Amino acid sequence: MNPLDLVRARPGAPFTVTFDGRVVEALPGQTIAAALWSAGVISWRTTRREERPRGVFCGIGVCFDCLVTVDGRPGQRACVTPALPGADIRTQEGTGHDG
């Protein structure tokens, strides 16, 4: 069963963002994390020292595990940042800053 049927939710028309060059569909009101999860992407950051994959951990903007670079701005928390039409989202490596 589609959960949208249970609440009679009718989101607006989908739009697209890009994630590491891949087109990902998102719905109005979705966070970046929700859009990525819906597209089957569960990891979008690597740790600074050991390059371990990270994605959503807390889901409420407290832990900083879900950081992505959005439109060239590193350190954006995917779990609380809205997906916006045309956003260029990139995997963040470490702090997201060169050097």
N, C-alpha and C. Protein backbone atom coordinates (compact mmCIF):
# COMPACT_ATOMS: atom_id res chain seq x y z
N MET A 1 0.85 -1.19 0.00
CA MET A 1 0.00 0.00 0.00
C MET A 1 0.88 1.24 0.00
N ASN A 2 0.48 2.22 -0.74
CA ASN A 2 1.18 3.50 -0.82
C ASN A 2 0.82 4.33 0.41
N PRO A 3 1.81 4.74 1.23
CA PRO A 3 1.51 5.53 2.43
C PRO A 3 0.79 6.84 2.13
N LEU A 4 1.00 7.41 0.93
CA LEU A 4 0.30 8.64 0.58
C LEU A 4 -1.20 8.45 0.54
N ASP A 5 -1.65 7.22 0.22
CA ASP A 5 -3.08 6.94 0.20
C ASP A 5 -3.69 6.99 1.59
N LEU A 6 -2.92 6.62 2.60
CA LEU A 6 -3.42 6.59 3.98
C LEU A 6 -3.71 7.98 4.51
N VAL A 7 -2.93 8.95 4.14
CA VAL A 7 -3.10 10.30 4.67
C VAL A 7 -3.72 11.26 3.65
N ARG A 8 -3.99 10.75 2.51
CA ARG A 8 -4.54 11.55 1.41
C ARG A 8 -3.63 12.72 1.06
N ALA A 9 -2.34 12.53 1.24
CA ALA A 9 -1.36 13.58 0.90
C ALA A 9 -1.25 13.69 -0.61
N ARG A 10 -1.13 14.89 -1.07
CA ARG A 10 -0.97 15.15 -2.50
C ARG A 10 0.18 16.12 -2.68
N PRO A 11 1.42 15.59 -2.74
CA PRO A 11 2.55 16.50 -2.93
C PRO A 11 2.49 17.16 -4.30
N GLY A 12 3.20 18.26 -4.40
CA GLY A 12 3.29 18.96 -5.68
C GLY A 12 4.07 18.14 -6.69
N ALA A 13 4.23 18.70 -7.86
CA ALA A 13 4.92 18.00 -8.94
C ALA A 13 6.39 17.75 -8.58
N PRO A 14 6.90 16.58 -8.95
CA PRO A 14 8.32 16.30 -8.68
C PRO A 14 9.23 17.20 -9.51
N PHE A 15 10.44 17.34 -9.04
CA PHE A 15 11.47 18.10 -9.74
C PHE A 15 12.77 17.31 -9.63
N THR A 16 13.82 17.79 -10.24
CA THR A 16 15.08 17.05 -10.18
C THR A 16 16.19 17.89 -9.55
N VAL A 17 17.10 17.15 -8.92
CA VAL A 17 18.37 17.68 -8.42
C VAL A 17 19.44 16.77 -9.01
N THR A 18 20.69 17.14 -8.88
CA THR A 18 21.73 16.21 -9.29
C THR A 18 22.56 15.84 -8.08
N PHE A 19 22.97 14.58 -8.04
CA PHE A 19 23.84 14.08 -6.99
C PHE A 19 25.05 13.45 -7.65
N ASP A 20 26.19 14.08 -7.49
CA ASP A 20 27.42 13.61 -8.14
C ASP A 20 27.21 13.38 -9.64
N GLY A 21 26.44 14.28 -10.26
CA GLY A 21 26.19 14.20 -11.69
C GLY A 21 25.01 13.34 -12.09
N ARG A 22 24.44 12.60 -11.15
CA ARG A 22 23.29 11.72 -11.42
C ARG A 22 22.00 12.49 -11.15
N VAL A 23 21.03 12.40 -12.06
CA VAL A 23 19.75 13.07 -11.87
C VAL A 23 18.92 12.28 -10.86
N VAL A 24 18.42 12.99 -9.85
CA VAL A 24 17.61 12.39 -8.79
C VAL A 24 16.30 13.17 -8.70
N GLU A 25 15.20 12.45 -8.63
CA GLU A 25 13.89 13.09 -8.51
C GLU A 25 13.59 13.37 -7.05
N ALA A 26 12.98 14.52 -6.78
CA ALA A 26 12.59 14.90 -5.43
C ALA A 26 11.17 15.47 -5.48
N LEU A 27 10.54 15.50 -4.31
CA LEU A 27 9.21 16.07 -4.18
C LEU A 27 9.28 17.34 -3.34
N PRO A 28 8.39 18.28 -3.58
CA PRO A 28 8.36 19.49 -2.75
C PRO A 28 8.24 19.11 -1.27
N GLY A 29 9.06 19.74 -0.44
CA GLY A 29 9.02 19.47 0.99
C GLY A 29 10.00 18.39 1.45
N GLN A 30 10.56 17.63 0.52
CA GLN A 30 11.52 16.61 0.90
C GLN A 30 12.86 17.23 1.26
N THR A 31 13.53 16.60 2.22
CA THR A 31 14.90 17.00 2.49
C THR A 31 15.80 16.32 1.46
N ILE A 32 17.05 16.78 1.40
CA ILE A 32 18.01 16.14 0.51
C ILE A 32 18.17 14.67 0.89
N ALA A 33 18.26 14.38 2.18
CA ALA A 33 18.41 13.00 2.63
C ALA A 33 17.24 12.13 2.16
N ALA A 34 16.02 12.63 2.28
CA ALA A 34 14.85 11.86 1.86
C ALA A 34 14.87 11.60 0.36
N ALA A 35 15.25 12.61 -0.42
CA ALA A 35 15.32 12.44 -1.87
C ALA A 35 16.39 11.41 -2.23
N LEU A 36 17.56 11.48 -1.58
CA LEU A 36 18.63 10.52 -1.87
C LEU A 36 18.22 9.11 -1.46
N TRP A 37 17.63 8.98 -0.28
CA TRP A 37 17.16 7.66 0.16
C TRP A 37 16.16 7.08 -0.83
N SER A 38 15.22 7.93 -1.28
CA SER A 38 14.20 7.47 -2.24
C SER A 38 14.83 6.98 -3.53
N ALA A 39 16.01 7.53 -3.86
CA ALA A 39 16.72 7.12 -5.08
C ALA A 39 17.68 5.96 -4.82
N GLY A 40 17.67 5.43 -3.60
CA GLY A 40 18.51 4.29 -3.27
C GLY A 40 19.93 4.65 -2.83
N VAL A 41 20.19 5.94 -2.61
CA VAL A 41 21.52 6.38 -2.17
C VAL A 41 21.49 6.44 -0.64
N ILE A 42 22.36 5.69 0.02
CA ILE A 42 22.35 5.68 1.49
C ILE A 42 23.63 6.24 2.11
N SER A 43 24.60 6.57 1.31
CA SER A 43 25.85 7.15 1.81
C SER A 43 26.27 8.28 0.90
N TRP A 44 26.63 9.43 1.51
CA TRP A 44 27.03 10.58 0.70
C TRP A 44 28.09 11.44 1.37
N ARG A 45 28.83 10.86 2.25
CA ARG A 45 29.97 11.55 2.86
C ARG A 45 30.99 10.51 3.25
N THR A 46 32.26 10.88 3.27
CA THR A 46 33.29 10.00 3.80
C THR A 46 33.98 10.72 4.96
N THR A 47 34.45 9.93 5.91
CA THR A 47 35.11 10.52 7.07
C THR A 47 36.47 11.07 6.69
N ARG A 48 36.95 11.98 7.48
CA ARG A 48 38.18 12.72 7.18
C ARG A 48 39.41 11.82 7.15
N ARG A 49 39.59 10.97 8.11
CA ARG A 49 40.83 10.20 8.20
C ARG A 49 40.77 8.85 7.48
N GLU A 50 39.71 8.10 7.72
CA GLU A 50 39.67 6.73 7.20
C GLU A 50 38.76 6.58 5.98
N GLU A 51 38.18 7.66 5.52
CA GLU A 51 37.32 7.67 4.34
C GLU A 51 36.19 6.65 4.43
N ARG A 52 35.59 6.52 5.60
CA ARG A 52 34.47 5.61 5.79
C ARG A 52 33.17 6.27 5.33
N PRO A 53 32.28 5.50 4.74
CA PRO A 53 31.03 6.07 4.23
C PRO A 53 30.08 6.47 5.37
N ARG A 54 29.38 7.56 5.15
CA ARG A 54 28.38 8.03 6.11
C ARG A 54 27.15 8.50 5.35
N GLY A 55 26.02 8.45 6.05
CA GLY A 55 24.74 8.94 5.53
C GLY A 55 23.96 9.51 6.69
N VAL A 56 22.67 9.19 6.78
CA VAL A 56 21.85 9.68 7.88
C VAL A 56 22.13 8.83 9.12
N PHE A 57 22.32 9.50 10.25
CA PHE A 57 22.45 8.80 11.53
C PHE A 57 21.30 9.22 12.44
N CYS A 58 21.26 10.50 12.83
CA CYS A 58 20.21 10.93 13.75
C CYS A 58 18.94 11.36 13.01
N GLY A 59 19.10 11.94 11.83
CA GLY A 59 17.94 12.35 11.04
C GLY A 59 17.28 13.64 11.50
N ILE A 60 17.87 14.34 12.51
CA ILE A 60 17.25 15.58 12.99
C ILE A 60 18.22 16.74 13.06
N GLY A 61 19.37 16.63 12.42
CA GLY A 61 20.30 17.74 12.33
C GLY A 61 21.23 17.93 13.50
N VAL A 62 21.39 16.90 14.33
CA VAL A 62 22.24 17.02 15.51
C VAL A 62 23.64 16.47 15.31
N CYS A 63 23.80 15.41 14.54
CA CYS A 63 25.07 14.65 14.56
C CYS A 63 26.08 15.00 13.46
N PHE A 64 25.72 15.62 12.41
CA PHE A 64 26.63 16.01 11.32
C PHE A 64 27.16 14.83 10.50
N ASP A 65 26.56 13.66 10.58
CA ASP A 65 27.01 12.53 9.76
C ASP A 65 26.55 12.65 8.31
N CYS A 66 25.52 13.42 8.06
CA CYS A 66 24.91 13.45 6.73
C CYS A 66 25.35 14.64 5.88
N LEU A 67 26.51 15.19 6.15
CA LEU A 67 26.96 16.39 5.44
C LEU A 67 27.14 16.16 3.94
N VAL A 68 26.71 17.14 3.17
CA VAL A 68 26.89 17.14 1.72
C VAL A 68 27.34 18.54 1.30
N THR A 69 27.81 18.64 0.08
CA THR A 69 28.12 19.93 -0.50
C THR A 69 26.98 20.27 -1.46
N VAL A 70 26.35 21.42 -1.24
CA VAL A 70 25.20 21.83 -2.05
C VAL A 70 25.55 23.13 -2.77
N ASP A 71 25.50 23.09 -4.08
CA ASP A 71 25.80 24.27 -4.90
C ASP A 71 27.13 24.91 -4.48
N GLY A 72 28.13 24.06 -4.21
CA GLY A 72 29.46 24.53 -3.86
C GLY A 72 29.66 24.87 -2.40
N ARG A 73 28.63 24.76 -1.57
CA ARG A 73 28.73 25.06 -0.14
C ARG A 73 28.85 23.76 0.66
N PRO A 74 30.04 23.47 1.22
CA PRO A 74 30.20 22.25 2.00
C PRO A 74 29.53 22.37 3.37
N GLY A 75 29.37 21.23 4.02
CA GLY A 75 28.87 21.21 5.40
C GLY A 75 27.38 21.37 5.55
N GLN A 76 26.60 21.08 4.52
CA GLN A 76 25.15 21.19 4.60
C GLN A 76 24.57 19.86 5.11
N ARG A 77 23.75 19.92 6.14
CA ARG A 77 23.15 18.69 6.70
C ARG A 77 21.99 18.24 5.82
N ALA A 78 22.16 17.10 5.18
CA ALA A 78 21.17 16.59 4.23
C ALA A 78 19.83 16.28 4.89
N CYS A 79 19.84 15.96 6.19
CA CYS A 79 18.60 15.56 6.85
C CYS A 79 17.68 16.73 7.17
N VAL A 80 18.21 17.95 7.14
CA VAL A 80 17.36 19.12 7.44
C VAL A 80 17.37 20.16 6.32
N THR A 81 18.16 19.94 5.29
CA THR A 81 18.23 20.89 4.18
C THR A 81 17.22 20.49 3.11
N PRO A 82 16.30 21.39 2.75
CA PRO A 82 15.32 21.04 1.73
C PRO A 82 15.97 20.81 0.37
N ALA A 83 15.45 19.86 -0.35
CA ALA A 83 15.84 19.66 -1.74
C ALA A 83 15.17 20.76 -2.55
N LEU A 84 15.94 21.46 -3.36
CA LEU A 84 15.39 22.53 -4.19
C LEU A 84 15.65 22.22 -5.66
N PRO A 85 14.73 22.60 -6.53
CA PRO A 85 14.89 22.30 -7.96
C PRO A 85 16.25 22.77 -8.49
N GLY A 86 16.91 21.87 -9.19
CA GLY A 86 18.17 22.19 -9.83
C GLY A 86 19.40 22.18 -8.93
N ALA A 87 19.24 21.84 -7.66
CA ALA A 87 20.39 21.85 -6.74
C ALA A 87 21.46 20.87 -7.22
N ASP A 88 22.71 21.28 -7.07
CA ASP A 88 23.86 20.43 -7.40
C ASP A 88 24.43 19.90 -6.09
N ILE A 89 24.16 18.65 -5.79
CA ILE A 89 24.54 18.03 -4.52
C ILE A 89 25.72 17.11 -4.79
N ARG A 90 26.73 17.20 -3.96
CA ARG A 90 27.94 16.40 -4.14
C ARG A 90 28.30 15.66 -2.87
N THR A 91 28.90 14.48 -3.05
CA THR A 91 29.45 13.74 -1.92
C THR A 91 30.49 14.63 -1.25
N GLN A 92 30.45 14.66 0.06
CA GLN A 92 31.44 15.46 0.79
C GLN A 92 32.53 14.56 1.31
N GLU A 93 33.76 14.90 1.00
CA GLU A 93 34.91 14.15 1.48
C GLU A 93 35.52 14.90 2.66
N GLY A 94 35.51 14.26 3.83
CA GLY A 94 36.03 14.90 5.03
C GLY A 94 35.26 16.16 5.37
N THR A 95 35.98 17.27 5.52
CA THR A 95 35.32 18.53 5.89
C THR A 95 34.70 19.23 4.70
N GLY A 96 35.03 18.79 3.49
CA GLY A 96 34.50 19.44 2.29
C GLY A 96 35.35 20.61 1.82
N HIS A 97 36.40 20.92 2.55
CA HIS A 97 37.29 22.01 2.18
C HIS A 97 38.59 21.42 1.65
N ASP A 98 39.15 22.01 0.63
CA ASP A 98 40.43 21.52 0.10
C ASP A 98 41.53 21.67 1.15
N GLY A 99 42.48 20.73 1.11
CA GLY A 99 43.63 20.82 2.01
C GLY A 99 43.28 20.31 3.32
